Every structure is written in structure tokens, then in C-alpha cells.
């Protein structure tokens, strides 16, 4: 229990002691009731404080992934059970706080990525990577479909040695299985920074479902996601 909760419980005990002493001296019933309510309020705050601590200690991990246009990747992982948040942005470049226009020029060397916060007790990092690899073409260098440029490269920015090892093992396994005719060219790079994209790029598919790009590019990816990974999807 944290210091705040302990302090609140000490206050509760003092209030209860005062209530007992005052009640024994025929203290007015109305004020007595007020003090009892105050005691329960303090108890409630202490309990909520303890709950907040437990929630803050919930183990949430981060995956930073690029697989072409971040509109597509965001729409995919927003549907995955165990994923808490998905934010579109930029990683892997040489300047801070780049704009979409700067990244699109290809001169900043950033990749369009999503940063995925997930609960590993619900979905593992390995399962996150399986979805990642099987919902884009990891054999295409610096492009995905008609989206061409280094900003659209297939890339994993690992956050720990364990993530690096797991990504390396999965790429080796997929290469051995021969799922794709060409070799996997997914870049594996240590994470250094993430810059959130402009507001209108967040929840893009949710807010623009009838837009032609969404219908022609994103919807087919989501259809495949539902066919192949139905057991991992949110209700």
C-alpha cells in the first residue's frame, strides 16, 4: 500500500475514535451521523488509492512496428484483443518531432510506425509479431503496394534484448517455412525515439472508412485479419 493510502487509513482511525468518544458523551445524533459518513468516505478514498496503485502496476509492454502506411497498421492492431492503445507516429529518423510532410519526403529517414501498448497476459509479443508479419509483405524493400519510399519500410524497433531475440527467431522460422518466395527484408533496429503523428492521422480508418484508400487497401487487410486471427480479435 502506498504512503497516501496509509495516511488516509490513519485519518480514518482517528475519526472513528473521535466518533466513539463523542457518542459516549451523548453527542448530537446528526453530527454523529456526519462523522460516521466522513469515516466511510475516508475508507473509500483509501481503497480507491490502493486500487489505483494496483492498476498502475499492471504489466503493459510496448511494440513499435512499421509495415507500410501507418493507417493500415493502426486499423489492424486496434482490433487485437489485449492491445490497450495504438498510436501512429514516426521512428528511426535523424531529426526530432518531424512532420508528416517531412517524413514523406524521405529525407528524414523516419519510418511510419505504430506504437502498440499491450497486455502480455492476454497477447504475447510473439503473437503481436505473427500478426505483424502476416498482415503485410515483409519481402518488399522500402514499399508496401503502391506506397513507395523508405518511410514505408518493414521495420521492428525492439525495446529490449528479449524483443530482439524473439524477432530474430521468428524471422528465421518464417524464412525456413518459405511462406514468401523472396527473402524477408524487415529491418530490426533498437528503439530510440517515437514521435506521435498529427491528430488527423490518429484513428484514421475509424474516422474515414468510406475514403477510397481505406476501402481499397485497409479493408482487404482487415478481412484477412478476421479470417486468419479471429481468436485474437476483440468482440
Protein backbone atom coordinates (compact mmCIF):
# COMPACT_ATOMS: atom_id res chain seq x y z
CA UNK A 1 0.00 0.00 0.00
CA UNK A 2 1.40 3.45 -0.87
CA UNK A 3 2.03 6.33 1.56
CA UNK A 4 -1.15 8.16 0.53
CA UNK A 5 -3.35 5.17 1.35
CA UNK A 6 -1.59 4.60 4.69
CA UNK A 7 -2.09 8.23 5.68
CA UNK A 8 -5.79 8.10 4.80
CA UNK A 9 -6.30 4.95 6.88
CA UNK A 10 -4.63 6.64 9.89
CA UNK A 11 -7.04 9.56 9.49
CA UNK A 12 -9.94 7.10 9.33
CA UNK A 13 -8.89 5.51 12.63
CA UNK A 14 -8.69 8.91 14.34
CA UNK A 15 -12.12 9.84 13.06
CA UNK A 16 -13.61 6.57 14.31
CA UNK A 17 -12.01 7.06 17.74
CA UNK A 18 -13.46 10.55 17.95
CA UNK A 19 -16.87 9.18 17.00
CA UNK A 20 -16.77 6.61 19.80
CA UNK A 21 -15.72 9.19 22.40
CA UNK A 22 -18.29 11.73 21.30
CA UNK A 23 -21.08 9.13 21.14
CA UNK A 24 -20.33 8.11 24.70
CA UNK A 25 -20.98 11.74 25.78
CA UNK A 26 -24.42 11.90 24.14
CA UNK A 27 -23.16 13.90 21.20
CA UNK A 28 -25.98 15.15 18.93
CA UNK A 29 -27.20 12.39 16.65
CA UNK A 30 -26.99 14.49 13.45
CA UNK A 31 -23.32 15.35 13.94
CA UNK A 32 -22.62 11.80 14.95
CA UNK A 33 -24.06 10.61 11.60
CA UNK A 34 -21.94 13.14 9.72
CA UNK A 35 -18.78 11.85 11.36
CA UNK A 36 -19.67 8.24 10.54
CA UNK A 37 -20.22 9.19 6.89
CA UNK A 38 -16.88 11.02 6.88
CA UNK A 39 -15.21 7.89 8.22
CA UNK A 40 -16.62 5.74 5.44
CA UNK A 41 -15.63 8.37 2.84
CA UNK A 42 -12.02 8.28 4.04
CA UNK A 43 -12.10 4.48 3.91
CA UNK A 44 -13.41 4.59 0.34
CA UNK A 45 -10.68 7.01 -0.75
CA UNK A 46 -8.03 4.76 0.80
CA UNK A 47 -9.43 1.72 -1.01
CA UNK A 48 -9.56 3.58 -4.34
CA UNK A 49 -6.00 4.74 -3.81
CA UNK A 50 -4.89 1.14 -3.30
CA UNK A 51 -6.76 0.12 -6.46
CA UNK A 52 -5.01 2.88 -8.41
CA UNK A 53 -1.64 1.54 -7.28
CA UNK A 54 -2.56 -1.99 -8.39
CA UNK A 55 -3.73 -0.71 -11.80
CA UNK A 56 -0.54 1.33 -12.27
CA UNK A 57 1.49 -1.80 -11.62
CA UNK A 58 -0.35 -3.73 -14.36
CA UNK A 59 2.31 -5.04 -16.72
CA UNK A 60 1.93 -3.29 -20.06
CA UNK A 61 4.54 -3.75 -22.80
CA UNK A 62 5.31 -1.72 -25.92
CA UNK A 63 5.87 -2.76 -29.52
CA UNK A 64 6.94 -0.25 -32.19
CA UNK A 65 6.32 -1.53 -35.72
CA UNK A 66 6.37 -0.26 -39.29
CA UNK A 67 4.60 -2.11 -42.11
CA UNK A 68 3.82 0.47 -44.75
CA UNK A 69 1.25 3.21 -44.24
CA UNK A 70 0.51 3.60 -40.54
CA UNK A 71 -3.21 3.98 -41.26
CA UNK A 72 -3.29 0.27 -42.16
CA UNK A 73 -1.21 -0.97 -39.25
CA UNK A 74 -3.17 1.10 -36.75
CA UNK A 75 -6.51 -0.27 -38.00
CA UNK A 76 -5.21 -3.84 -37.65
CA UNK A 77 -3.87 -3.63 -34.10
CA UNK A 78 -6.83 -1.64 -32.81
CA UNK A 79 -8.85 -4.82 -33.33
CA UNK A 80 -6.49 -7.14 -31.45
CA UNK A 81 -7.55 -8.37 -28.02
CA UNK A 82 -5.07 -7.41 -25.31
CA UNK A 83 -3.99 -4.24 -27.11
CA UNK A 84 -4.61 -1.23 -24.89
CA UNK A 85 -3.63 1.63 -27.22
CA UNK A 86 -2.32 2.14 -30.76
CA UNK A 87 -0.73 5.45 -31.74
CA UNK A 88 0.52 6.36 -35.21
CA UNK A 89 3.85 8.16 -35.47
CA UNK A 90 7.42 8.20 -36.69
CA UNK A 91 10.61 6.42 -35.59
CA UNK A 92 14.11 5.76 -36.86
CA UNK A 93 14.97 9.17 -38.29
CA UNK A 94 17.62 11.81 -37.76
CA UNK A 95 15.57 14.82 -36.62
CA UNK A 96 13.23 15.39 -33.69
CA UNK A 97 9.49 16.00 -33.98
CA UNK A 98 9.20 15.57 -37.74
CA UNK A 99 6.03 16.47 -39.61
CA UNK A 100 4.17 14.16 -41.98
CA UNK A 101 5.36 16.30 -44.90
CA UNK A 102 9.00 16.00 -43.81
CA UNK A 103 8.76 12.24 -43.31
CA UNK A 104 7.01 11.81 -46.68
CA UNK A 105 9.96 13.46 -48.42
CA UNK A 106 12.13 10.51 -47.36
CA UNK A 107 14.90 12.90 -46.30
CA UNK A 108 14.45 12.48 -42.53
CA UNK A 109 14.92 8.68 -42.71
CA UNK A 110 11.94 8.07 -40.41
CA UNK A 111 9.55 5.20 -40.90
CA UNK A 112 5.81 5.46 -40.45
CA UNK A 113 5.13 3.26 -37.42
CA UNK A 114 2.56 2.46 -34.78
CA UNK A 115 3.36 2.21 -31.11
CA UNK A 116 1.31 -0.60 -29.60
CA UNK A 117 0.73 -0.87 -25.85
CA UNK A 118 -0.40 -4.39 -24.97
CA UNK A 119 -1.04 -6.69 -22.03
CA UNK A 120 1.29 -9.72 -22.36
CA UNK A 121 -1.04 -11.76 -20.15
CA UNK A 122 -3.62 -11.52 -22.94
CA UNK A 123 -1.47 -11.47 -26.07
CA UNK A 124 2.25 -12.16 -26.25
CA UNK A 125 4.89 -10.21 -28.15
CA UNK A 126 5.39 -13.27 -30.35
CA UNK A 127 1.70 -13.21 -31.29
CA UNK A 128 1.93 -9.47 -31.97
CA UNK A 129 4.79 -10.19 -34.38
CA UNK A 130 2.91 -13.04 -36.04
CA UNK A 131 0.04 -10.66 -36.81
CA UNK A 132 2.54 -8.04 -37.96
CA UNK A 133 4.28 -10.35 -40.43
CA UNK A 134 1.14 -11.95 -41.82
CA UNK A 135 -0.75 -8.71 -42.48
CA UNK A 136 1.88 -7.09 -44.72
CA UNK A 137 4.55 -8.22 -47.17
CA UNK A 138 7.90 -8.26 -45.33
CA UNK A 139 9.82 -9.08 -48.53
CA UNK A 140 9.18 -5.67 -50.12
CA UNK A 141 12.07 -3.24 -49.64
CA UNK A 142 11.04 0.33 -48.84
CA UNK A 143 7.47 -0.07 -50.02
CA UNK A 144 4.10 -1.71 -49.44
CA UNK A 145 1.95 -1.98 -52.53
CA UNK A 146 1.63 1.44 -54.14
CA UNK A 147 3.15 3.19 -51.10
CA UNK A 148 6.78 3.65 -52.11
CA UNK A 149 9.66 5.12 -50.12
CA UNK A 150 11.87 4.32 -47.12
CA UNK A 151 9.18 5.75 -44.83
CA UNK A 152 7.07 2.71 -45.76
CA UNK A 153 9.74 0.13 -44.94
CA UNK A 154 9.04 -3.02 -42.96
CA UNK A 155 10.71 -2.48 -39.59
CA UNK A 156 10.70 -3.64 -35.98
CA UNK A 157 12.09 -1.27 -33.37
CA UNK A 158 12.85 -3.54 -30.44
CA UNK A 159 12.60 -2.23 -26.84
CA UNK A 160 14.64 -4.94 -25.13
CA UNK A 161 17.11 -7.73 -25.80
CA UNK A 162 14.25 -10.20 -25.35
CA UNK A 163 12.22 -8.49 -28.08
CA UNK A 164 15.27 -8.52 -30.34
CA UNK A 165 15.84 -12.23 -29.74
CA UNK A 166 12.20 -13.07 -30.31
CA UNK A 167 12.01 -11.05 -33.54
CA UNK A 168 15.20 -12.69 -34.82
CA UNK A 169 13.90 -16.18 -34.02
CA UNK A 170 10.50 -15.53 -35.65
CA UNK A 171 12.07 -14.13 -38.83
CA UNK A 172 14.33 -17.18 -39.02
CA UNK A 173 11.38 -19.52 -38.52
CA UNK A 174 9.27 -17.77 -41.17
CA UNK A 175 12.18 -17.79 -43.64
CA UNK A 176 12.62 -21.53 -43.07
CA UNK A 177 8.92 -22.16 -43.67
CA UNK A 178 9.22 -20.49 -47.07
CA UNK A 179 5.92 -18.60 -46.77
CA UNK A 180 7.16 -16.00 -49.23
CA UNK A 181 9.12 -16.60 -52.42
CA UNK A 182 11.50 -13.72 -51.74
CA UNK A 183 13.62 -13.24 -48.59
CA UNK A 184 12.36 -11.21 -45.62
CA UNK A 185 13.87 -7.71 -45.62
CA UNK A 186 12.30 -6.44 -42.39
CA UNK A 187 14.70 -4.09 -40.62
CA UNK A 188 15.44 -4.91 -36.98
CA UNK A 189 16.66 -1.82 -35.10
CA UNK A 190 16.94 -0.79 -31.47
CA UNK A 191 14.25 1.68 -30.45
CA UNK A 192 15.44 5.22 -29.75
CA UNK A 193 12.52 7.63 -30.10
CA UNK A 194 8.89 7.83 -31.14
CA UNK A 195 7.16 10.98 -32.36
CA UNK A 196 3.37 10.98 -32.40
CA UNK A 197 1.87 11.86 -35.76
CA UNK A 198 -0.53 14.73 -36.30
CA UNK A 199 -4.02 14.40 -34.83
CA UNK A 200 -5.79 13.75 -38.15
CA UNK A 201 -3.63 10.64 -38.66
CA UNK A 202 -4.89 9.05 -35.43
CA UNK A 203 -7.87 6.66 -35.71
CA UNK A 204 -7.72 7.27 -39.45
CA UNK A 205 -9.71 4.25 -40.58
CA UNK A 206 -12.30 4.72 -37.83
CA UNK A 207 -12.92 8.27 -38.99
CA UNK A 208 -12.57 7.75 -42.76
CA UNK A 209 -13.97 4.31 -43.57
CA UNK A 210 -15.52 5.38 -46.88
CA UNK A 211 -12.37 7.06 -48.14
CA UNK A 212 -11.13 5.24 -51.31
CA UNK A 213 -7.73 4.30 -49.80
CA UNK A 214 -9.47 2.78 -46.78
CA UNK A 215 -11.83 0.74 -48.96
CA UNK A 216 -9.22 -0.48 -51.43
CA UNK A 217 -6.21 -1.03 -49.15
CA UNK A 218 -7.21 -1.26 -45.49
CA UNK A 219 -10.46 -3.21 -45.74
CA UNK A 220 -8.82 -6.21 -47.51
CA UNK A 221 -6.17 -6.33 -44.77
CA UNK A 222 -8.86 -6.33 -42.10
CA UNK A 223 -10.74 -9.08 -43.92
CA UNK A 224 -7.57 -11.21 -43.86
CA UNK A 225 -7.05 -10.38 -40.18
CA UNK A 226 -10.54 -11.66 -39.36
CA UNK A 227 -10.01 -14.87 -41.36
CA UNK A 228 -6.57 -15.75 -40.01
CA UNK A 229 -6.57 -14.30 -36.49
CA UNK A 230 -10.22 -14.42 -35.41
CA UNK A 231 -9.34 -15.92 -32.00
CA UNK A 232 -7.13 -12.92 -31.18
CA UNK A 233 -9.69 -10.24 -32.03
CA UNK A 234 -11.85 -8.12 -29.74
CA UNK A 235 -15.56 -8.84 -29.62
